[in-house]
Amino acid sequence: MSGAEKHFTVVALAGGSLEADFRKAGYGVPNKAYLPVGGVLMIVRVLRALREAGSVSRIRCVTERAAFADIPEGQDLCDEVIEPEGELVGSMLAGLRGLPAEERVLVAATDMALLSAGSVDAFSARAAQADCDIGYGFVERRTHDRRYPGVRHTWVRLREGTFCGGGLSIVRAGCAGQIQSVLRRFTAARKSPLKLAKLFSPMLVFKALSGTLPIAELEERATAITGLRCRGIMCPEPEVAVNVDRFEDLRAVEAILRDRACVQVLS
């Protein structure tokens, strides 16, 4: 990492409401960050990983203060709790507010149930080397499937391989507010490769459908649209992409954790 970015401030996003999938399964928590995973709240798992990462100096958690206050170890897991403001982008802007405009900040989802300090540090090391104002984390399928075969994702085939998005990004604090409308359209389409490509150009849609779209072309188009330097940041640790969006994801992650526990007992 560069001398100026040996350590990052993190904005951890844990706002919103609980999805219907989990409500139907009988959960009554404020949102999915508060789901118990292997007996530990998912938000606790994510914040612990961030707190233990050597590349993280400060953690701002954007979540309901009343809900977070019920976590006994909450005060030890983050440095500041900030109330969410509307949807995902509004909450991210709330988390970035007051930080130096030129500071680059890690933005973390709190549904990465298998996140580890090592995976955070791996992403941070690559982010520190990326010349960008906005960097979007992603993981290659071969890397992911070697460790977590069968875990559900939205995969997109590009010229360089097949990839999925991750739950860690890097944003220059003063830039996000300049492109709120673009960010809102991006976050609304982020789970659909085709919708993402449509935000850029018809030719990119064709290339995305045919699997011939290069990463560099996506970066160039995103830079042209936003006026900011945009880069993809490929992380070698698949834990940054194992997220819990649906009840079946929760069951899959709990199965992985049970298998890990059995291995530890037998070893």
C-alpha atoms as a PDB file:
ATOM      1  CA  MET A   1       0.000   0.000   0.000  1.00  0.00           C
ATOM      2  CA  SER A   2       1.030   3.594  -0.400  1.00  0.00           C
ATOM      3  CA  GLY A   3       2.166   5.440   2.694  1.00  0.00           C
ATOM      4  CA  ALA A   4      -1.036   7.482   2.732  1.00  0.00           C
ATOM      5  CA  GLU A   5      -3.286   4.402   2.541  1.00  0.00           C
ATOM      6  CA  LYS A   6      -1.859   1.837   4.907  1.00  0.00           C
ATOM      7  CA  HIS A   7      -5.119   2.033   6.810  1.00  0.00           C
ATOM      8  CA  PHE A   8      -8.654   2.799   5.666  1.00  0.00           C
ATOM      9  CA  THR A   9     -11.794   4.148   7.245  1.00  0.00           C
ATOM     10  CA  VAL A  10     -14.674   1.748   6.575  1.00  0.00           C
ATOM     11  CA  VAL A  11     -18.317   2.645   6.095  1.00  0.00           C
ATOM     12  CA  ALA A  12     -20.295  -0.511   6.899  1.00  0.00           C
ATOM     13  CA  LEU A  13     -23.855  -0.424   5.551  1.00  0.00           C
ATOM     14  CA  ALA A  14     -26.501  -2.139   7.698  1.00  0.00           C
ATOM     15  CA  GLY A  15     -29.702  -0.233   6.998  1.00  0.00           C
ATOM     16  CA  GLY A  16     -32.891  -1.025   5.144  1.00  0.00           C
ATOM     17  CA  SER A  17     -35.734  -3.389   5.985  1.00  0.00           C
ATOM     18  CA  LEU A  18     -35.912  -7.166   6.156  1.00  0.00           C
ATOM     19  CA  GLU A  19     -36.708  -8.898   2.869  1.00  0.00           C
ATOM     20  CA  ALA A  20     -39.967 -10.862   2.550  1.00  0.00           C
ATOM     21  CA  ASP A  21     -38.036 -14.106   2.052  1.00  0.00           C
ATOM     22  CA  PHE A  22     -36.702 -13.954   5.602  1.00  0.00           C
ATOM     23  CA  ARG A  23     -39.978 -12.724   7.102  1.00  0.00           C
ATOM     24  CA  LYS A  24     -41.757 -15.728   5.617  1.00  0.00           C
ATOM     25  CA  ALA A  25     -39.145 -17.956   7.261  1.00  0.00           C
ATOM     26  CA  GLY A  26     -40.115 -16.493  10.643  1.00  0.00           C
ATOM     27  CA  TYR A  27     -37.379 -13.934  11.254  1.00  0.00           C
ATOM     28  CA  GLY A  28     -38.370 -10.649  12.905  1.00  0.00           C
ATOM     29  CA  VAL A  29     -35.065  -8.757  12.961  1.00  0.00           C
ATOM     30  CA  PRO A  30     -34.711  -5.148  11.678  1.00  0.00           C
ATOM     31  CA  ASN A  31     -32.878  -6.191   8.502  1.00  0.00           C
ATOM     32  CA  LYS A  32     -30.734  -9.031   7.202  1.00  0.00           C
ATOM     33  CA  ALA A  33     -27.583  -7.716   8.879  1.00  0.00           C
ATOM     34  CA  TYR A  34     -29.175  -8.769  12.164  1.00  0.00           C
ATOM     35  CA  LEU A  35     -29.867 -12.347  11.082  1.00  0.00           C
ATOM     36  CA  PRO A  36     -28.219 -14.975  13.298  1.00  0.00           C
ATOM     37  CA  VAL A  37     -25.712 -17.066  11.340  1.00  0.00           C
ATOM     38  CA  GLY A  38     -24.324 -20.030  13.222  1.00  0.00           C
ATOM     39  CA  GLY A  39     -25.442 -18.418  16.470  1.00  0.00           C
ATOM     40  CA  VAL A  40     -23.770 -15.065  15.756  1.00  0.00           C
ATOM     41  CA  LEU A  41     -25.456 -12.014  14.241  1.00  0.00           C
ATOM     42  CA  MET A  42     -24.228 -11.420  10.700  1.00  0.00           C
ATOM     43  CA  ILE A  43     -23.439  -7.776  11.447  1.00  0.00           C
ATOM     44  CA  VAL A  44     -21.226  -8.940  14.319  1.00  0.00           C
ATOM     45  CA  ARG A  45     -19.378 -11.369  12.048  1.00  0.00           C
ATOM     46  CA  VAL A  46     -18.693  -8.641   9.485  1.00  0.00           C
ATOM     47  CA  LEU A  47     -17.669  -5.971  12.003  1.00  0.00           C
ATOM     48  CA  ARG A  48     -15.356  -8.416  13.788  1.00  0.00           C
ATOM     49  CA  ALA A  49     -13.582  -9.166  10.518  1.00  0.00           C
ATOM     50  CA  LEU A  50     -13.230  -5.456   9.798  1.00  0.00           C
ATOM     51  CA  ARG A  51     -12.009  -4.710  13.326  1.00  0.00           C
ATOM     52  CA  GLU A  52      -9.378  -7.470  13.139  1.00  0.00           C
ATOM     53  CA  ALA A  53      -8.108  -6.396   9.704  1.00  0.00           C
ATOM     54  CA  GLY A  54      -4.733  -4.683   9.821  1.00  0.00           C
ATOM     55  CA  SER A  55      -5.735  -2.385   6.950  1.00  0.00           C
ATOM     56  CA  VAL A  56      -8.703  -0.864   8.827  1.00  0.00           C
ATOM     57  CA  SER A  57      -8.201   2.074  11.188  1.00  0.00           C
ATOM     58  CA  ARG A  58     -11.776   3.232  11.791  1.00  0.00           C
ATOM     59  CA  ILE A  59     -15.265   1.805  11.341  1.00  0.00           C
ATOM     60  CA  ARG A  60     -18.437   3.808  10.781  1.00  0.00           C
ATOM     61  CA  CYS A  61     -21.542   1.631  10.888  1.00  0.00           C
ATOM     62  CA  VAL A  62     -24.648   2.991   9.176  1.00  0.00           C
ATOM     63  CA  THR A  63     -27.539   1.319  10.972  1.00  0.00           C
ATOM     64  CA  GLU A  64     -30.421   2.015  13.323  1.00  0.00           C
ATOM     65  CA  ARG A  65     -28.950   3.076  16.649  1.00  0.00           C
ATOM     66  CA  ALA A  66     -31.750   1.417  18.614  1.00  0.00           C
ATOM     67  CA  ALA A  67     -31.125  -1.949  16.962  1.00  0.00           C
ATOM     68  CA  PHE A  68     -27.356  -1.693  17.298  1.00  0.00           C
ATOM     69  CA  ALA A  69     -27.652  -0.746  20.982  1.00  0.00           C
ATOM     70  CA  ASP A  70     -29.007  -4.238  21.687  1.00  0.00           C
ATOM     71  CA  ILE A  71     -25.694  -5.831  20.643  1.00  0.00           C
ATOM     72  CA  PRO A  72     -23.648  -6.275  23.861  1.00  0.00           C
ATOM     73  CA  GLU A  73     -20.266  -5.947  22.147  1.00  0.00           C
ATOM     74  CA  GLY A  74     -21.409  -3.274  19.716  1.00  0.00           C
ATOM     75  CA  GLN A  75     -19.339  -0.440  21.178  1.00  0.00           C
ATOM     76  CA  ASP A  76     -16.165  -2.486  20.692  1.00  0.00           C
ATOM     77  CA  LEU A  77     -16.964  -3.327  17.083  1.00  0.00           C
ATOM     78  CA  CYS A  78     -17.247   0.138  15.574  1.00  0.00           C
ATOM     79  CA  ASP A  79     -16.170   3.697  16.297  1.00  0.00           C
ATOM     80  CA  GLU A  80     -19.335   5.493  15.243  1.00  0.00           C
ATOM     81  CA  VAL A  81     -22.963   4.588  14.556  1.00  0.00           C
ATOM     82  CA  ILE A  82     -24.786   6.669  11.942  1.00  0.00           C
ATOM     83  CA  GLU A  83     -28.509   6.554  11.241  1.00  0.00           C
ATOM     84  CA  PRO A  84     -29.408   5.356   7.718  1.00  0.00           C
ATOM     85  CA  GLU A  85     -30.923   7.830   5.282  1.00  0.00           C
ATOM     86  CA  GLY A  86     -33.350   6.201   2.895  1.00  0.00           C
ATOM     87  CA  GLU A  87     -32.051   3.671   0.413  1.00  0.00           C
ATOM     88  CA  LEU A  88     -28.546   2.256  -0.093  1.00  0.00           C
ATOM     89  CA  VAL A  89     -27.002   5.321  -1.735  1.00  0.00           C
ATOM     90  CA  GLY A  90     -28.491   7.707   0.834  1.00  0.00           C
ATOM     91  CA  SER A  91     -27.064   5.599   3.649  1.00  0.00           C
ATOM     92  CA  MET A  92     -23.656   5.473   1.980  1.00  0.00           C
ATOM     93  CA  LEU A  93     -23.622   9.253   1.616  1.00  0.00           C
ATOM     94  CA  ALA A  94     -24.563   9.561   5.295  1.00  0.00           C
ATOM     95  CA  GLY A  95     -21.623   7.331   6.195  1.00  0.00           C
ATOM     96  CA  LEU A  96     -19.203   9.390   4.098  1.00  0.00           C
ATOM     97  CA  ARG A  97     -20.434  12.744   5.383  1.00  0.00           C
ATOM     98  CA  GLY A  98     -17.828  14.737   7.295  1.00  0.00           C
ATOM     99  CA  LEU A  99     -14.830  12.771   6.021  1.00  0.00           C
ATOM    100  CA  PRO A 100     -12.059  14.610   4.123  1.00  0.00           C
ATOM    101  CA  ALA A 101     -13.067  14.964   0.469  1.00  0.00           C
ATOM    102  CA  GLU A 102      -9.849  13.398  -0.841  1.00  0.00           C
ATOM    103  CA  GLU A 103      -9.906  10.419   1.524  1.00  0.00           C
ATOM    104  CA  ARG A 104     -10.571   7.066  -0.088  1.00  0.00           C
ATOM    105  CA  VAL A 105     -12.908   4.973   2.038  1.00  0.00           C
ATOM    106  CA  LEU A 106     -13.811   1.294   2.030  1.00  0.00           C
ATOM    107  CA  VAL A 107     -17.551   0.696   1.733  1.00  0.00           C
ATOM    108  CA  ALA A 108     -18.652  -2.675   3.089  1.00  0.00           C
ATOM    109  CA  ALA A 109     -21.925  -4.565   2.898  1.00  0.00           C
ATOM    110  CA  THR A 110     -22.881  -6.353   6.102  1.00  0.00           C
ATOM    111  CA  ASP A 111     -24.269  -9.494   4.489  1.00  0.00           C
ATOM    112  CA  MET A 112     -20.844 -11.091   3.853  1.00  0.00           C
ATOM    113  CA  ALA A 113     -21.338 -13.815   6.449  1.00  0.00           C
ATOM    114  CA  LEU A 114     -17.981 -15.526   5.802  1.00  0.00           C
ATOM    115  CA  LEU A 115     -15.871 -12.368   5.699  1.00  0.00           C
ATOM    116  CA  SER A 116     -12.450 -12.647   7.360  1.00  0.00           C
ATOM    117  CA  ALA A 117      -9.796 -10.137   8.343  1.00  0.00           C
ATOM    118  CA  GLY A 118      -7.507 -11.692   5.733  1.00  0.00           C
ATOM    119  CA  SER A 119     -10.002 -11.174   2.932  1.00  0.00           C
ATOM    120  CA  VAL A 120     -10.483  -7.540   3.976  1.00  0.00           C
ATOM    121  CA  ASP A 121      -6.724  -6.992   3.934  1.00  0.00           C
ATOM    122  CA  ALA A 122      -6.407  -8.701   0.538  1.00  0.00           C
ATOM    123  CA  PHE A 123      -8.980  -6.364  -0.973  1.00  0.00           C
ATOM    124  CA  SER A 124      -7.469  -3.323   0.761  1.00  0.00           C
ATOM    125  CA  ALA A 125      -4.022  -4.097  -0.654  1.00  0.00           C
ATOM    126  CA  ARG A 126      -5.386  -4.158  -4.190  1.00  0.00           C
ATOM    127  CA  ALA A 127      -7.573  -1.118  -3.624  1.00  0.00           C
ATOM    128  CA  ALA A 128      -4.588   0.878  -2.373  1.00  0.00           C
ATOM    129  CA  GLN A 129      -2.799   0.163  -5.649  1.00  0.00           C
ATOM    130  CA  ALA A 130      -5.778   1.079  -7.847  1.00  0.00           C
ATOM    131  CA  ASP A 131      -5.640   4.554  -9.388  1.00  0.00           C
ATOM    132  CA  CYS A 132      -9.322   5.386  -9.021  1.00  0.00           C
ATOM    133  CA  ASP A 133     -11.993   7.481  -7.357  1.00  0.00           C
ATOM    134  CA  ILE A 134     -14.428   4.558  -7.332  1.00  0.00           C
ATOM    135  CA  GLY A 135     -13.366   0.927  -7.271  1.00  0.00           C
ATOM    136  CA  TYR A 136     -15.838  -1.955  -7.444  1.00  0.00           C
ATOM    137  CA  GLY A 137     -14.783  -5.298  -5.984  1.00  0.00           C
ATOM    138  CA  PHE A 138     -15.364  -8.533  -7.901  1.00  0.00           C
ATOM    139  CA  VAL A 139     -14.298 -12.192  -7.761  1.00  0.00           C
ATOM    140  CA  GLU A 140     -13.432 -14.677 -10.497  1.00  0.00           C
ATOM    141  CA  ARG A 141     -15.610 -17.781 -10.648  1.00  0.00           C
ATOM    142  CA  ARG A 142     -12.690 -20.249 -10.710  1.00  0.00           C
ATOM    143  CA  THR A 143     -11.320 -18.721  -7.516  1.00  0.00           C
ATOM    144  CA  HIS A 144     -14.748 -18.790  -5.905  1.00  0.00           C
ATOM    145  CA  ASP A 145     -15.704 -22.325  -6.923  1.00  0.00           C
ATOM    146  CA  ARG A 146     -12.468 -23.837  -5.640  1.00  0.00           C
ATOM    147  CA  ARG A 147     -13.515 -22.848  -2.128  1.00  0.00           C
ATOM    148  CA  TYR A 148     -17.305 -22.525  -2.266  1.00  0.00           C
ATOM    149  CA  PRO A 149     -18.629 -24.689  -5.114  1.00  0.00           C
ATOM    150  CA  GLY A 150     -22.356 -24.443  -5.627  1.00  0.00           C
ATOM    151  CA  VAL A 151     -22.920 -21.173  -3.736  1.00  0.00           C
ATOM    152  CA  ARG A 152     -25.455 -19.131  -5.710  1.00  0.00           C
ATOM    153  CA  HIS A 153     -24.355 -15.934  -7.491  1.00  0.00           C
ATOM    154  CA  THR A 154     -25.225 -13.707 -10.409  1.00  0.00           C
ATOM    155  CA  TRP A 155     -22.346 -14.480 -12.756  1.00  0.00           C
ATOM    156  CA  VAL A 156     -21.324 -12.436 -15.783  1.00  0.00           C
ATOM    157  CA  ARG A 157     -19.053 -13.708 -18.552  1.00  0.00           C
ATOM    158  CA  LEU A 158     -16.535 -11.140 -19.767  1.00  0.00           C
ATOM    159  CA  ARG A 159     -13.623 -11.522 -22.160  1.00  0.00           C
ATOM    160  CA  GLU A 160     -11.211 -12.267 -19.307  1.00  0.00           C
ATOM    161  CA  GLY A 161     -13.410 -14.832 -17.546  1.00  0.00           C
ATOM    162  CA  THR A 162     -16.581 -15.233 -15.487  1.00  0.00           C
ATOM    163  CA  PHE A 163     -17.096 -12.979 -12.473  1.00  0.00           C
ATOM    164  CA  CYS A 164     -19.491 -11.857  -9.748  1.00  0.00           C
ATOM    165  CA  GLY A 165     -19.604  -8.670  -7.720  1.00  0.00           C
ATOM    166  CA  GLY A 166     -18.283  -8.443  -4.180  1.00  0.00           C
ATOM    167  CA  GLY A 167     -19.408  -6.641  -1.051  1.00  0.00           C
ATOM    168  CA  LEU A 168     -16.364  -4.372  -0.724  1.00  0.00           C
ATOM    169  CA  SER A 169     -15.740  -1.211  -2.736  1.00  0.00           C
ATOM    170  CA  ILE A 170     -13.592   1.892  -2.430  1.00  0.00           C
ATOM    171  CA  VAL A 171     -14.933   5.433  -2.863  1.00  0.00           C
ATOM    172  CA  ARG A 172     -13.294   8.840  -2.633  1.00  0.00           C
ATOM    173  CA  ALA A 173     -15.419  10.544   0.003  1.00  0.00           C
ATOM    174  CA  GLY A 174     -15.905  13.823  -1.847  1.00  0.00           C
ATOM    175  CA  CYS A 175     -16.905  12.207  -5.132  1.00  0.00           C
ATOM    176  CA  ALA A 176     -19.964  10.154  -4.240  1.00  0.00           C
ATOM    177  CA  GLY A 177     -22.249  13.143  -3.778  1.00  0.00           C
ATOM    178  CA  GLN A 178     -21.380  14.432  -7.267  1.00  0.00           C
ATOM    179  CA  ILE A 179     -22.865  11.382  -9.002  1.00  0.00           C
ATOM    180  CA  GLN A 180     -25.805  10.434  -6.790  1.00  0.00           C
ATOM    181  CA  SER A 181     -28.167   9.788  -9.708  1.00  0.00           C
ATOM    182  CA  VAL A 182     -25.657   7.526 -11.469  1.00  0.00           C
ATOM    183  CA  LEU A 183     -24.960   5.623  -8.253  1.00  0.00           C
ATOM    184  CA  ARG A 184     -28.679   5.097  -7.664  1.00  0.00           C
ATOM    185  CA  ARG A 185     -29.138   3.663 -11.147  1.00  0.00           C
ATOM    186  CA  PHE A 186     -26.067   1.493 -10.704  1.00  0.00           C
ATOM    187  CA  THR A 187     -27.132   0.082  -7.329  1.00  0.00           C
ATOM    188  CA  ALA A 188     -30.629  -0.621  -8.657  1.00  0.00           C
ATOM    189  CA  ALA A 189     -29.125  -2.656 -11.523  1.00  0.00           C
ATOM    190  CA  ARG A 190     -26.147  -4.183  -9.724  1.00  0.00           C
ATOM    191  CA  LYS A 191     -27.634  -7.701  -9.505  1.00  0.00           C
ATOM    192  CA  SER A 192     -28.299  -7.873 -13.260  1.00  0.00           C
ATOM    193  CA  PRO A 193     -25.360  -7.855 -15.705  1.00  0.00           C
ATOM    194  CA  LEU A 194     -27.711  -6.994 -18.592  1.00  0.00           C
ATOM    195  CA  LYS A 195     -29.243  -4.034 -16.762  1.00  0.00           C
ATOM    196  CA  LEU A 196     -25.756  -2.816 -15.870  1.00  0.00           C
ATOM    197  CA  ALA A 197     -24.640  -2.995 -19.475  1.00  0.00           C
ATOM    198  CA  LYS A 198     -27.742  -1.053 -20.585  1.00  0.00           C
ATOM    199  CA  LEU A 199     -26.628   1.831 -18.359  1.00  0.00           C
ATOM    200  CA  PHE A 200     -23.546   2.163 -20.520  1.00  0.00           C
ATOM    201  CA  SER A 201     -24.403   1.634 -24.222  1.00  0.00           C
ATOM    202  CA  PRO A 202     -26.198  -0.707 -26.675  1.00  0.00           C
ATOM    203  CA  MET A 203     -22.853  -2.027 -27.925  1.00  0.00           C
ATOM    204  CA  LEU A 204     -21.882  -2.965 -24.383  1.00  0.00           C
ATOM    205  CA  VAL A 205     -25.165  -4.881 -24.082  1.00  0.00           C
ATOM    206  CA  PHE A 206     -24.246  -6.906 -27.181  1.00  0.00           C
ATOM    207  CA  LYS A 207     -20.736  -7.579 -25.930  1.00  0.00           C
ATOM    208  CA  ALA A 208     -22.041  -8.503 -22.469  1.00  0.00           C
ATOM    209  CA  LEU A 209     -24.504 -10.999 -23.970  1.00  0.00           C
ATOM    210  CA  SER A 210     -21.791 -12.528 -26.152  1.00  0.00           C
ATOM    211  CA  GLY A 211     -19.172 -12.659 -23.406  1.00  0.00           C
ATOM    212  CA  THR A 212     -16.723 -10.508 -25.356  1.00  0.00           C
ATOM    213  CA  LEU A 213     -16.837  -7.375 -23.203  1.00  0.00           C
ATOM    214  CA  PRO A 214     -13.401  -6.580 -21.728  1.00  0.00           C
ATOM    215  CA  ILE A 215     -13.061  -5.206 -18.195  1.00  0.00           C
ATOM    216  CA  ALA A 216     -11.086  -2.215 -19.459  1.00  0.00           C
ATOM    217  CA  GLU A 217     -13.955  -1.128 -21.714  1.00  0.00           C
ATOM    218  CA  LEU A 218     -16.395  -1.226 -18.797  1.00  0.00           C
ATOM    219  CA  GLU A 219     -13.984   0.871 -16.753  1.00  0.00           C
ATOM    220  CA  GLU A 220     -13.536   3.403 -19.568  1.00  0.00           C
ATOM    221  CA  ARG A 221     -17.275   3.796 -20.111  1.00  0.00           C
ATOM    222  CA  ALA A 222     -17.978   4.164 -16.390  1.00  0.00           C
ATOM    223  CA  THR A 223     -15.265   6.817 -16.211  1.00  0.00           C
ATOM    224  CA  ALA A 224     -16.792   8.689 -19.161  1.00  0.00           C
ATOM    225  CA  ILE A 225     -20.302   8.608 -17.652  1.00  0.00           C
ATOM    226  CA  THR A 226     -19.293   9.728 -14.168  1.00  0.00           C
ATOM    227  CA  GLY A 227     -16.315  11.967 -14.869  1.00  0.00           C
ATOM    228  CA  LEU A 228     -14.490  10.023 -12.154  1.00  0.00           C
ATOM    229  CA  ARG A 229     -11.789   7.387 -12.442  1.00  0.00           C
ATOM    230  CA  CYS A 230     -13.598   4.049 -12.146  1.00  0.00           C
ATOM    231  CA  ARG A 231     -11.863   0.686 -11.834  1.00  0.00           C
ATOM    232  CA  GLY A 232     -12.755  -2.901 -11.125  1.00  0.00           C
ATOM    233  CA  ILE A 233     -10.783  -4.456  -8.283  1.00  0.00           C
ATOM    234  CA  MET A 234     -10.477  -8.224  -8.478  1.00  0.00           C
ATOM    235  CA  CYS A 235     -10.111  -9.793  -5.041  1.00  0.00           C
ATOM    236  CA  PRO A 236      -8.367 -13.173  -4.659  1.00  0.00           C
ATOM    237  CA  GLU A 237     -10.441 -14.035  -1.568  1.00  0.00           C
ATOM    238  CA  PRO A 238     -13.959 -15.283  -2.443  1.00  0.00           C
ATOM    239  CA  GLU A 239     -15.358 -14.501   1.022  1.00  0.00           C
ATOM    240  CA  VAL A 240     -15.976 -10.925  -0.113  1.00  0.00           C
ATOM    241  CA  ALA A 241     -18.566 -12.260  -2.575  1.00  0.00           C
ATOM    242  CA  VAL A 242     -20.434 -14.770  -0.381  1.00  0.00           C
ATOM    243  CA  ASN A 243     -23.436 -12.657   0.552  1.00  0.00           C
ATOM    244  CA  VAL A 244     -26.805 -13.518   2.086  1.00  0.00           C
ATOM    245  CA  ASP A 245     -29.573 -12.132  -0.114  1.00  0.00           C
ATOM    246  CA  ARG A 246     -32.158 -14.870   0.335  1.00  0.00           C
ATOM    247  CA  PHE A 247     -33.146 -17.536   2.836  1.00  0.00           C
ATOM    248  CA  GLU A 248     -31.459 -20.228   0.722  1.00  0.00           C
ATOM    249  CA  ASP A 249     -28.199 -18.240   0.939  1.00  0.00           C
ATOM    250  CA  LEU A 250     -28.494 -18.237   4.730  1.00  0.00           C
ATOM    251  CA  ARG A 251     -28.925 -22.005   4.771  1.00  0.00           C
ATOM    252  CA  ALA A 252     -25.945 -22.474   2.444  1.00  0.00           C
ATOM    253  CA  VAL A 253     -23.679 -20.320   4.623  1.00  0.00           C
ATOM    254  CA  GLU A 254     -24.770 -22.114   7.805  1.00  0.00           C
ATOM    255  CA  ALA A 255     -23.958 -25.441   6.131  1.00  0.00           C
ATOM    256  CA  ILE A 256     -20.458 -24.161   5.307  1.00  0.00           C
ATOM    257  CA  LEU A 257     -19.958 -23.075   8.917  1.00  0.00           C
ATOM    258  CA  ARG A 258     -21.148 -26.467  10.217  1.00  0.00           C
ATOM    259  CA  ASP A 259     -18.693 -28.233   7.920  1.00  0.00           C
ATOM    260  CA  ARG A 260     -15.888 -25.998   9.172  1.00  0.00           C
ATOM    261  CA  ALA A 261     -16.782 -26.794  12.776  1.00  0.00           C
ATOM    262  CA  CYS A 262     -16.736 -30.531  12.060  1.00  0.00           C
ATOM    263  CA  VAL A 263     -13.303 -30.273  10.446  1.00  0.00           C
ATOM    264  CA  GLN A 264     -11.964 -28.385  13.467  1.00  0.00           C
ATOM    265  CA  VAL A 265     -13.315 -31.022  15.857  1.00  0.00           C
ATOM    266  CA  LEU A 266     -11.766 -33.845  13.842  1.00  0.00           C
ATOM    267  CA  SER A 267      -8.379 -32.148  13.359  1.00  0.00           C
END
